[in-house]
Amino acid sequence: MRSPVPRFRDVERQASGLQPTQCLPPCHERQNNMWFIRDACGIICAIITWLLVVFAEVVVLFVMLIPSKSLTYSLVNGTLFNSLAFLALASHFRAMCTDPGAVPKGNATREYIESLQLKPGQVVYKCPKCCSIKPDRAHHCSVCKRCIRKMDHHCPWVNNCVGENNQKYFVLFTMYIFLISLHALVMVVFHFLYCFEDDWTKCSTFSPPATVILLILLCFEGLLFLIFTSVMFGTQIHSICTDETGIEQLKKEERRWAKKTKWMNMKAVFGHPFSIAWFSPFSTPDHGKADPYQYVV
């Protein structure tokens, strides 16, 4: 029997229609293993991301803050910038090395489906690429080679899919990169004004041409990432509030899940209840404590 709702390139099977030889036995993966995608493009993009943050760190410290005559200015801005940069890199690492919600691989076997004790006429969906029983709102990623629950998109900059389990870290990464980019641009403007009023040879430990080149490069990098991360952050917040992933919006998939309030959707991603842990990449959100009575019918 076929489901009355289309499943967009999915292969539909009943338990009796699956042959034992179609899929390998399920692989029992340990949850403690670190998740890492061995994709050359993604690894290069992730390394570039870290190098760009390190470059910004070097320019901010050795071109603008250390040569500054005001110790208070250097301490306040140095502490703020380094804290945001650390949180950004920590969020990037968590987004990259957290399982985004991969479906167990190779479990689409006849024995496994029979163990589910499905009702007569009930249909399950099998992914022909990774031989997995595909839950609702899961999509197959050709880079990760897995079906990912609530997959939003695959981001090469974090070398991972953005899905159910790591969306919080990806949002934090875009937010902190946005903040350090804005902070760096503000400091560049103030440093240029300071150097124009003072002697260029005294406003930096580098030569005046090198100082100008480094500040222009930092300004270009900061402006580029400011625009990029602000768009990504806004897109992610919109997807969370509407409870609709990027792929679901792109495919215009019919909504078949319970509608919730925007606040409940935020807590489902960042954790319940609201706390300072929402902004920490070291805090794992608890997805299972959302109050069902706040759902909107």
C-alpha atoms as a PDB file:
ATOM      1  CA  MET A   1       0.000   0.000   0.000  1.00  0.00           C
ATOM      2  CA  ARG A   2       1.140   3.503  -0.730  1.00  0.00           C
ATOM      3  CA  SER A   3       0.811   6.378   1.626  1.00  0.00           C
ATOM      4  CA  PRO A   4      -1.682   9.043   0.454  1.00  0.00           C
ATOM      5  CA  VAL A   5       1.015  11.672   1.081  1.00  0.00           C
ATOM      6  CA  PRO A   6       3.920  11.879  -1.394  1.00  0.00           C
ATOM      7  CA  ARG A   7       7.400  11.383   0.069  1.00  0.00           C
ATOM      8  CA  PHE A   8       9.622  13.153  -2.476  1.00  0.00           C
ATOM      9  CA  ARG A   9      12.013  10.604  -3.981  1.00  0.00           C
ATOM     10  CA  ASP A  10      11.570   8.166  -1.112  1.00  0.00           C
ATOM     11  CA  VAL A  11      11.160   4.457  -1.766  1.00  0.00           C
ATOM     12  CA  GLU A  12       8.115   3.017   0.013  1.00  0.00           C
ATOM     13  CA  ARG A  13       7.986  -0.588   1.238  1.00  0.00           C
ATOM     14  CA  GLN A  14       5.876  -2.802   3.438  1.00  0.00           C
ATOM     15  CA  ALA A  15       7.469  -5.355   5.708  1.00  0.00           C
ATOM     16  CA  SER A  16       6.511  -8.205   3.388  1.00  0.00           C
ATOM     17  CA  GLY A  17       8.076  -6.449   0.406  1.00  0.00           C
ATOM     18  CA  LEU A  18      11.577  -6.184   1.814  1.00  0.00           C
ATOM     19  CA  GLN A  19      14.047  -8.945   1.094  1.00  0.00           C
ATOM     20  CA  PRO A  20      16.638  -9.816   3.751  1.00  0.00           C
ATOM     21  CA  THR A  21      19.449  -9.519   1.207  1.00  0.00           C
ATOM     22  CA  GLN A  22      18.612  -5.959   0.225  1.00  0.00           C
ATOM     23  CA  CYS A  23      20.368  -4.364   3.160  1.00  0.00           C
ATOM     24  CA  LEU A  24      23.301  -5.208   5.330  1.00  0.00           C
ATOM     25  CA  PRO A  25      22.664  -5.924   9.009  1.00  0.00           C
ATOM     26  CA  PRO A  26      22.259  -2.795  11.100  1.00  0.00           C
ATOM     27  CA  CYS A  27      25.493  -1.279  12.273  1.00  0.00           C
ATOM     28  CA  HIS A  28      25.470  -0.775  16.026  1.00  0.00           C
ATOM     29  CA  GLU A  29      27.215   2.552  16.430  1.00  0.00           C
ATOM     30  CA  ARG A  30      28.416   3.682  19.813  1.00  0.00           C
ATOM     31  CA  GLN A  31      27.015   7.013  20.881  1.00  0.00           C
ATOM     32  CA  ASN A  32      30.290   8.033  22.511  1.00  0.00           C
ATOM     33  CA  ASN A  33      32.209   8.057  19.255  1.00  0.00           C
ATOM     34  CA  MET A  34      32.997  11.506  17.908  1.00  0.00           C
ATOM     35  CA  TRP A  35      31.112  12.368  14.760  1.00  0.00           C
ATOM     36  CA  PHE A  36      33.349  13.579  11.937  1.00  0.00           C
ATOM     37  CA  ILE A  37      32.694  13.737   8.181  1.00  0.00           C
ATOM     38  CA  ARG A  38      35.676  12.793   6.040  1.00  0.00           C
ATOM     39  CA  ASP A  39      34.950  15.203   3.194  1.00  0.00           C
ATOM     40  CA  ALA A  40      37.936  16.993   1.653  1.00  0.00           C
ATOM     41  CA  CYS A  41      35.993  20.126   0.713  1.00  0.00           C
ATOM     42  CA  GLY A  42      34.389  20.363   4.140  1.00  0.00           C
ATOM     43  CA  ILE A  43      37.674  19.840   5.982  1.00  0.00           C
ATOM     44  CA  ILE A  44      39.366  22.566   3.905  1.00  0.00           C
ATOM     45  CA  CYS A  45      36.467  24.972   4.544  1.00  0.00           C
ATOM     46  CA  ALA A  46      36.584  24.238   8.280  1.00  0.00           C
ATOM     47  CA  ILE A  47      40.346  24.874   8.396  1.00  0.00           C
ATOM     48  CA  ILE A  48      39.893  28.134   6.462  1.00  0.00           C
ATOM     49  CA  THR A  49      37.253  29.210   8.980  1.00  0.00           C
ATOM     50  CA  TRP A  50      39.621  28.702  11.901  1.00  0.00           C
ATOM     51  CA  LEU A  51      42.499  30.418  10.081  1.00  0.00           C
ATOM     52  CA  LEU A  52      40.347  33.478   9.346  1.00  0.00           C
ATOM     53  CA  VAL A  53      39.408  33.760  13.017  1.00  0.00           C
ATOM     54  CA  VAL A  54      43.069  33.404  14.005  1.00  0.00           C
ATOM     55  CA  PHE A  55      44.021  36.101  11.453  1.00  0.00           C
ATOM     56  CA  ALA A  56      41.446  38.463  12.931  1.00  0.00           C
ATOM     57  CA  GLU A  57      42.774  37.671  16.395  1.00  0.00           C
ATOM     58  CA  VAL A  58      46.352  38.526  15.388  1.00  0.00           C
ATOM     59  CA  VAL A  59      45.407  41.808  13.715  1.00  0.00           C
ATOM     60  CA  VAL A  60      43.175  42.908  16.597  1.00  0.00           C
ATOM     61  CA  LEU A  61      45.800  42.133  19.228  1.00  0.00           C
ATOM     62  CA  PHE A  62      49.081  43.126  17.598  1.00  0.00           C
ATOM     63  CA  VAL A  63      47.929  45.959  15.341  1.00  0.00           C
ATOM     64  CA  MET A  64      45.195  47.649  17.377  1.00  0.00           C
ATOM     65  CA  LEU A  65      45.111  46.691  21.052  1.00  0.00           C
ATOM     66  CA  ILE A  66      48.689  46.133  22.200  1.00  0.00           C
ATOM     67  CA  PRO A  67      50.010  49.414  20.679  1.00  0.00           C
ATOM     68  CA  SER A  68      47.103  51.363  22.197  1.00  0.00           C
ATOM     69  CA  LYS A  69      48.002  53.991  24.788  1.00  0.00           C
ATOM     70  CA  SER A  70      44.896  53.241  26.844  1.00  0.00           C
ATOM     71  CA  LEU A  71      45.297  50.156  28.992  1.00  0.00           C
ATOM     72  CA  THR A  72      41.585  50.128  29.856  1.00  0.00           C
ATOM     73  CA  TYR A  73      40.615  50.237  26.178  1.00  0.00           C
ATOM     74  CA  SER A  74      42.942  47.344  25.391  1.00  0.00           C
ATOM     75  CA  LEU A  75      41.806  45.191  28.333  1.00  0.00           C
ATOM     76  CA  VAL A  76      38.075  45.697  27.787  1.00  0.00           C
ATOM     77  CA  ASN A  77      38.126  45.170  24.033  1.00  0.00           C
ATOM     78  CA  GLY A  78      40.697  42.383  24.229  1.00  0.00           C
ATOM     79  CA  THR A  79      38.661  40.462  26.801  1.00  0.00           C
ATOM     80  CA  LEU A  80      35.427  40.926  24.858  1.00  0.00           C
ATOM     81  CA  PHE A  81      36.881  40.001  21.473  1.00  0.00           C
ATOM     82  CA  ASN A  82      38.767  36.961  22.755  1.00  0.00           C
ATOM     83  CA  SER A  83      35.728  35.695  24.658  1.00  0.00           C
ATOM     84  CA  LEU A  84      33.504  35.977  21.580  1.00  0.00           C
ATOM     85  CA  ALA A  85      36.156  34.364  19.364  1.00  0.00           C
ATOM     86  CA  PHE A  86      36.543  31.470  21.806  1.00  0.00           C
ATOM     87  CA  LEU A  87      32.772  30.921  21.916  1.00  0.00           C
ATOM     88  CA  ALA A  88      32.607  31.087  18.120  1.00  0.00           C
ATOM     89  CA  LEU A  89      35.300  28.442  17.663  1.00  0.00           C
ATOM     90  CA  ALA A  90      33.792  26.260  20.402  1.00  0.00           C
ATOM     91  CA  SER A  91      30.387  26.484  18.700  1.00  0.00           C
ATOM     92  CA  HIS A  92      32.000  25.622  15.362  1.00  0.00           C
ATOM     93  CA  PHE A  93      33.698  22.579  16.874  1.00  0.00           C
ATOM     94  CA  ARG A  94      30.460  21.359  18.479  1.00  0.00           C
ATOM     95  CA  ALA A  95      28.508  21.888  15.241  1.00  0.00           C
ATOM     96  CA  MET A  96      31.166  19.981  13.312  1.00  0.00           C
ATOM     97  CA  CYS A  97      31.677  17.076  15.712  1.00  0.00           C
ATOM     98  CA  THR A  98      28.108  16.491  16.922  1.00  0.00           C
ATOM     99  CA  ASP A  99      25.920  13.858  15.314  1.00  0.00           C
ATOM    100  CA  PRO A 100      23.248  15.996  13.585  1.00  0.00           C
ATOM    101  CA  GLY A 101      20.628  13.285  14.000  1.00  0.00           C
ATOM    102  CA  ALA A 102      21.732  10.412  11.794  1.00  0.00           C
ATOM    103  CA  VAL A 103      19.269   7.570  11.372  1.00  0.00           C
ATOM    104  CA  PRO A 104      20.731   4.117  12.228  1.00  0.00           C
ATOM    105  CA  LYS A 105      22.311   2.742   9.081  1.00  0.00           C
ATOM    106  CA  GLY A 106      21.185  -0.517   7.489  1.00  0.00           C
ATOM    107  CA  ASN A 107      18.141  -1.186   9.669  1.00  0.00           C
ATOM    108  CA  ALA A 108      15.714  -1.597   6.728  1.00  0.00           C
ATOM    109  CA  THR A 109      15.677  -5.371   7.031  1.00  0.00           C
ATOM    110  CA  ARG A 110      12.663  -7.630   7.007  1.00  0.00           C
ATOM    111  CA  GLU A 111      13.372  -8.859  10.523  1.00  0.00           C
ATOM    112  CA  TYR A 112      13.663  -5.349  11.941  1.00  0.00           C
ATOM    113  CA  ILE A 113      10.444  -4.144  10.312  1.00  0.00           C
ATOM    114  CA  GLU A 114       8.575  -7.193  11.550  1.00  0.00           C
ATOM    115  CA  SER A 115       9.817  -6.393  15.054  1.00  0.00           C
ATOM    116  CA  LEU A 116       8.125  -2.975  14.826  1.00  0.00           C
ATOM    117  CA  GLN A 117       4.724  -4.716  14.894  1.00  0.00           C
ATOM    118  CA  LEU A 118       3.183  -2.352  12.348  1.00  0.00           C
ATOM    119  CA  LYS A 119      -0.580  -2.121  12.029  1.00  0.00           C
ATOM    120  CA  PRO A 120      -2.219  -3.584   8.886  1.00  0.00           C
ATOM    121  CA  GLY A 121      -1.774  -1.197   5.989  1.00  0.00           C
ATOM    122  CA  GLN A 122       0.775   0.954   7.808  1.00  0.00           C
ATOM    123  CA  VAL A 123       3.610   2.037   5.535  1.00  0.00           C
ATOM    124  CA  VAL A 124       7.269   2.593   6.413  1.00  0.00           C
ATOM    125  CA  TYR A 125       9.758   4.371   4.227  1.00  0.00           C
ATOM    126  CA  LYS A 126      13.117   3.020   3.209  1.00  0.00           C
ATOM    127  CA  CYS A 127      16.047   5.058   1.955  1.00  0.00           C
ATOM    128  CA  PRO A 128      17.584   3.123  -0.943  1.00  0.00           C
ATOM    129  CA  LYS A 129      20.949   4.858  -0.472  1.00  0.00           C
ATOM    130  CA  CYS A 130      21.736   4.004   3.145  1.00  0.00           C
ATOM    131  CA  CYS A 131      19.225   1.163   3.674  1.00  0.00           C
ATOM    132  CA  SER A 132      17.597   2.896   6.638  1.00  0.00           C
ATOM    133  CA  ILE A 133      14.035   3.091   7.813  1.00  0.00           C
ATOM    134  CA  LYS A 134      13.338   6.757   7.213  1.00  0.00           C
ATOM    135  CA  PRO A 135      11.425   8.591   9.952  1.00  0.00           C
ATOM    136  CA  ASP A 136       9.255  11.600   9.211  1.00  0.00           C
ATOM    137  CA  ARG A 137      11.129  14.808   8.324  1.00  0.00           C
ATOM    138  CA  ALA A 138      14.376  12.929   7.658  1.00  0.00           C
ATOM    139  CA  HIS A 139      16.329  13.484   4.433  1.00  0.00           C
ATOM    140  CA  HIS A 140      19.348  11.790   2.926  1.00  0.00           C
ATOM    141  CA  CYS A 141      22.596  13.762   2.698  1.00  0.00           C
ATOM    142  CA  SER A 142      24.833  12.763  -0.195  1.00  0.00           C
ATOM    143  CA  VAL A 143      27.925  14.127   1.594  1.00  0.00           C
ATOM    144  CA  CYS A 144      27.339  12.521   4.994  1.00  0.00           C
ATOM    145  CA  LYS A 145      25.903   9.449   3.228  1.00  0.00           C
ATOM    146  CA  ARG A 146      23.259   9.181   5.943  1.00  0.00           C
ATOM    147  CA  CYS A 147      19.635  10.089   6.516  1.00  0.00           C
ATOM    148  CA  ILE A 148      19.478  13.039   8.939  1.00  0.00           C
ATOM    149  CA  ARG A 149      16.493  13.844  11.137  1.00  0.00           C
ATOM    150  CA  LYS A 150      15.153  17.378  10.563  1.00  0.00           C
ATOM    151  CA  MET A 151      17.995  18.093   8.154  1.00  0.00           C
ATOM    152  CA  ASP A 152      18.148  21.789   7.310  1.00  0.00           C
ATOM    153  CA  HIS A 153      21.130  21.774   4.953  1.00  0.00           C
ATOM    154  CA  HIS A 154      24.700  20.554   4.638  1.00  0.00           C
ATOM    155  CA  CYS A 155      27.144  23.321   5.491  1.00  0.00           C
ATOM    156  CA  PRO A 156      30.724  22.891   4.202  1.00  0.00           C
ATOM    157  CA  TRP A 157      31.969  25.596   6.603  1.00  0.00           C
ATOM    158  CA  VAL A 158      31.213  23.327   9.563  1.00  0.00           C
ATOM    159  CA  ASN A 159      31.832  20.150   7.527  1.00  0.00           C
ATOM    160  CA  ASN A 160      28.540  18.692   8.682  1.00  0.00           C
ATOM    161  CA  CYS A 161      24.812  18.659   8.201  1.00  0.00           C
ATOM    162  CA  VAL A 162      22.710  21.016  10.268  1.00  0.00           C
ATOM    163  CA  GLY A 163      20.055  18.814  11.823  1.00  0.00           C
ATOM    164  CA  GLU A 164      18.060  18.032  14.922  1.00  0.00           C
ATOM    165  CA  ASN A 165      20.994  17.591  17.320  1.00  0.00           C
ATOM    166  CA  ASN A 166      23.433  20.324  16.284  1.00  0.00           C
ATOM    167  CA  GLN A 167      21.265  23.192  15.059  1.00  0.00           C
ATOM    168  CA  LYS A 168      21.794  25.043  18.331  1.00  0.00           C
ATOM    169  CA  TYR A 169      25.580  25.025  17.875  1.00  0.00           C
ATOM    170  CA  PHE A 170      25.307  26.185  14.269  1.00  0.00           C
ATOM    171  CA  VAL A 171      23.070  29.108  15.284  1.00  0.00           C
ATOM    172  CA  LEU A 172      25.499  30.044  18.062  1.00  0.00           C
ATOM    173  CA  PHE A 173      28.399  29.853  15.613  1.00  0.00           C
ATOM    174  CA  THR A 174      26.735  32.288  13.205  1.00  0.00           C
ATOM    175  CA  MET A 175      25.770  34.597  16.076  1.00  0.00           C
ATOM    176  CA  TYR A 176      29.244  34.776  17.616  1.00  0.00           C
ATOM    177  CA  ILE A 177      30.938  35.219  14.225  1.00  0.00           C
ATOM    178  CA  PHE A 178      28.503  38.068  13.543  1.00  0.00           C
ATOM    179  CA  LEU A 179      29.375  39.685  16.886  1.00  0.00           C
ATOM    180  CA  ILE A 180      33.168  39.441  16.489  1.00  0.00           C
ATOM    181  CA  SER A 181      32.884  40.743  12.922  1.00  0.00           C
ATOM    182  CA  LEU A 182      30.887  43.746  14.122  1.00  0.00           C
ATOM    183  CA  HIS A 183      33.280  44.314  17.006  1.00  0.00           C
ATOM    184  CA  ALA A 184      36.318  44.113  14.723  1.00  0.00           C
ATOM    185  CA  LEU A 185      34.806  46.616  12.259  1.00  0.00           C
ATOM    186  CA  VAL A 186      34.083  49.092  15.050  1.00  0.00           C
ATOM    187  CA  MET A 187      37.661  48.796  16.355  1.00  0.00           C
ATOM    188  CA  VAL A 188      39.069  49.236  12.831  1.00  0.00           C
ATOM    189  CA  VAL A 189      37.135  52.497  12.421  1.00  0.00           C
ATOM    190  CA  PHE A 190      38.360  53.812  15.771  1.00  0.00           C
ATOM    191  CA  HIS A 191      41.940  52.770  15.008  1.00  0.00           C
ATOM    192  CA  PHE A 192      41.933  54.509  11.633  1.00  0.00           C
ATOM    193  CA  LEU A 193      40.682  57.691  13.287  1.00  0.00           C
ATOM    194  CA  TYR A 194      43.346  57.359  15.971  1.00  0.00           C
ATOM    195  CA  CYS A 195      46.119  56.868  13.402  1.00  0.00           C
ATOM    196  CA  PHE A 196      44.958  59.813  11.287  1.00  0.00           C
ATOM    197  CA  GLU A 197      45.082  62.100  14.298  1.00  0.00           C
ATOM    198  CA  ASP A 198      48.380  60.730  15.583  1.00  0.00           C
ATOM    199  CA  ASP A 199      51.627  59.690  13.935  1.00  0.00           C
ATOM    200  CA  TRP A 200      51.206  56.474  11.885  1.00  0.00           C
ATOM    201  CA  THR A 201      54.575  55.245  13.075  1.00  0.00           C
ATOM    202  CA  LYS A 202      53.365  55.322  16.692  1.00  0.00           C
ATOM    203  CA  CYS A 203      49.900  53.789  16.342  1.00  0.00           C
ATOM    204  CA  SER A 204      51.134  50.289  15.486  1.00  0.00           C
ATOM    205  CA  THR A 205      54.124  48.019  15.957  1.00  0.00           C
ATOM    206  CA  PHE A 206      54.072  47.359  12.208  1.00  0.00           C
ATOM    207  CA  SER A 207      55.158  49.755   9.490  1.00  0.00           C
ATOM    208  CA  PRO A 208      52.483  52.171   8.196  1.00  0.00           C
ATOM    209  CA  PRO A 209      52.006  50.316   4.847  1.00  0.00           C
ATOM    210  CA  ALA A 210      51.711  46.955   6.602  1.00  0.00           C
ATOM    211  CA  THR A 211      49.291  48.432   9.134  1.00  0.00           C
ATOM    212  CA  VAL A 212      47.047  49.816   6.400  1.00  0.00           C
ATOM    213  CA  ILE A 213      47.072  46.534   4.458  1.00  0.00           C
ATOM    214  CA  LEU A 214      46.275  44.448   7.554  1.00  0.00           C
ATOM    215  CA  LEU A 215      43.445  46.770   8.592  1.00  0.00           C
ATOM    216  CA  ILE A 216      41.930  46.754   5.089  1.00  0.00           C
ATOM    217  CA  LEU A 217      42.074  42.959   4.967  1.00  0.00           C
ATOM    218  CA  LEU A 218      40.448  42.723   8.401  1.00  0.00           C
ATOM    219  CA  CYS A 219      37.798  45.233   7.352  1.00  0.00           C
ATOM    220  CA  PHE A 220      37.031  43.226   4.204  1.00  0.00           C
ATOM    221  CA  GLU A 221      36.887  39.952   6.151  1.00  0.00           C
ATOM    222  CA  GLY A 222      34.716  41.443   8.873  1.00  0.00           C
ATOM    223  CA  LEU A 223      32.272  43.004   6.414  1.00  0.00           C
ATOM    224  CA  LEU A 224      31.994  39.799   4.398  1.00  0.00           C
ATOM    225  CA  PHE A 225      31.331  37.602   7.409  1.00  0.00           C
ATOM    226  CA  LEU A 226      29.050  40.201   8.982  1.00  0.00           C
ATOM    227  CA  ILE A 227      26.719  40.040   5.975  1.00  0.00           C
ATOM    228  CA  PHE A 228      26.976  36.273   5.531  1.00  0.00           C
ATOM    229  CA  THR A 229      26.407  35.293   9.157  1.00  0.00           C
ATOM    230  CA  SER A 230      23.608  37.825   9.695  1.00  0.00           C
ATOM    231  CA  VAL A 231      21.706  36.290   6.773  1.00  0.00           C
ATOM    232  CA  MET A 232      22.372  32.737   8.002  1.00  0.00           C
ATOM    233  CA  PHE A 233      21.428  33.615  11.584  1.00  0.00           C
ATOM    234  CA  GLY A 234      18.175  35.245  10.494  1.00  0.00           C
ATOM    235  CA  THR A 235      17.342  32.309   8.221  1.00  0.00           C
ATOM    236  CA  GLN A 236      17.958  29.787  10.997  1.00  0.00           C
ATOM    237  CA  ILE A 237      15.879  31.689  13.552  1.00  0.00           C
ATOM    238  CA  HIS A 238      13.037  31.934  11.034  1.00  0.00           C
ATOM    239  CA  SER A 239      13.250  28.185  10.332  1.00  0.00           C
ATOM    240  CA  ILE A 240      13.191  27.403  14.043  1.00  0.00           C
ATOM    241  CA  CYS A 241      10.228  29.687  14.767  1.00  0.00           C
ATOM    242  CA  THR A 242       8.192  28.291  11.877  1.00  0.00           C
ATOM    243  CA  ASP A 243       9.337  24.721  12.633  1.00  0.00           C
ATOM    244  CA  GLU A 244      10.178  24.174   8.987  1.00  0.00           C
ATOM    245  CA  THR A 245      13.642  23.212   7.788  1.00  0.00           C
ATOM    246  CA  GLY A 246      15.362  24.702   4.764  1.00  0.00           C
ATOM    247  CA  ILE A 247      14.811  21.538   2.727  1.00  0.00           C
ATOM    248  CA  GLU A 248      11.125  21.439   3.669  1.00  0.00           C
ATOM    249  CA  GLN A 249      10.734  25.058   2.578  1.00  0.00           C
ATOM    250  CA  LEU A 250      12.615  24.410  -0.663  1.00  0.00           C
ATOM    251  CA  LYS A 251      10.562  21.333  -1.548  1.00  0.00           C
ATOM    252  CA  LYS A 252       7.358  22.929  -0.252  1.00  0.00           C
ATOM    253  CA  GLU A 253       6.567  19.743   1.646  1.00  0.00           C
ATOM    254  CA  GLU A 254       3.124  19.416   3.138  1.00  0.00           C
ATOM    255  CA  ARG A 255       3.066  20.024   6.872  1.00  0.00           C
ATOM    256  CA  ARG A 256       2.172  16.775   8.656  1.00  0.00           C
ATOM    257  CA  TRP A 257       3.436  17.513  12.162  1.00  0.00           C
ATOM    258  CA  ALA A 258       1.891  19.293  15.138  1.00  0.00           C
ATOM    259  CA  LYS A 259       2.030  23.057  15.070  1.00  0.00           C
ATOM    260  CA  LYS A 260       3.648  24.693  18.097  1.00  0.00           C
ATOM    261  CA  THR A 261       4.207  28.226  19.295  1.00  0.00           C
ATOM    262  CA  LYS A 262       7.389  30.028  18.277  1.00  0.00           C
ATOM    263  CA  TRP A 263       8.617  29.982  21.874  1.00  0.00           C
ATOM    264  CA  MET A 264       8.099  26.225  22.105  1.00  0.00           C
ATOM    265  CA  ASN A 265      10.027  25.762  18.856  1.00  0.00           C
ATOM    266  CA  MET A 266      12.907  27.811  20.269  1.00  0.00           C
ATOM    267  CA  LYS A 267      12.963  25.704  23.445  1.00  0.00           C
ATOM    268  CA  ALA A 268      12.888  22.523  21.372  1.00  0.00           C
ATOM    269  CA  VAL A 269      16.195  23.572  19.766  1.00  0.00           C
ATOM    270  CA  PHE A 270      18.002  25.437  22.569  1.00  0.00           C
ATOM    271  CA  GLY A 271      16.660  23.539  25.575  1.00  0.00           C
ATOM    272  CA  HIS A 272      13.983  23.792  28.221  1.00  0.00           C
ATOM    273  CA  PRO A 273      13.610  26.068  30.099  1.00  0.00           C
ATOM    274  CA  PHE A 274      15.206  29.349  28.980  1.00  0.00           C
ATOM    275  CA  SER A 275      18.530  29.984  30.707  1.00  0.00           C
ATOM    276  CA  ILE A 276      22.038  31.259  30.112  1.00  0.00           C
ATOM    277  CA  ALA A 277      22.811  27.773  28.806  1.00  0.00           C
ATOM    278  CA  TRP A 278      21.065  28.756  25.566  1.00  0.00           C
ATOM    279  CA  PHE A 279      24.144  30.820  24.700  1.00  0.00           C
ATOM    280  CA  SER A 280      26.700  28.203  25.737  1.00  0.00           C
ATOM    281  CA  PRO A 281      28.168  25.798  23.166  1.00  0.00           C
ATOM    282  CA  PHE A 282      29.146  23.519  26.060  1.00  0.00           C
ATOM    283  CA  SER A 283      25.555  22.908  27.156  1.00  0.00           C
ATOM    284  CA  THR A 284      23.662  20.093  25.425  1.00  0.00           C
ATOM    285  CA  PRO A 285      19.999  21.075  24.970  1.00  0.00           C
ATOM    286  CA  ASP A 286      17.295  18.858  26.437  1.00  0.00           C
ATOM    287  CA  HIS A 287      14.774  18.276  23.648  1.00  0.00           C
ATOM    288  CA  GLY A 288      12.389  16.139  25.651  1.00  0.00           C
ATOM    289  CA  LYS A 289      10.831  18.534  28.147  1.00  0.00           C
ATOM    290  CA  ALA A 290       8.648  20.676  25.906  1.00  0.00           C
ATOM    291  CA  ASP A 291       5.175  21.173  27.359  1.00  0.00           C
ATOM    292  CA  PRO A 292       2.667  19.589  24.926  1.00  0.00           C
ATOM    293  CA  TYR A 293      -0.155  21.720  26.324  1.00  0.00           C
ATOM    294  CA  GLN A 294       1.410  24.812  24.760  1.00  0.00           C
ATOM    295  CA  TYR A 295       0.918  23.418  21.270  1.00  0.00           C
ATOM    296  CA  VAL A 296      -1.329  25.417  18.988  1.00  0.00           C
ATOM    297  CA  VAL A 297      -3.981  23.382  17.187  1.00  0.00           C
END
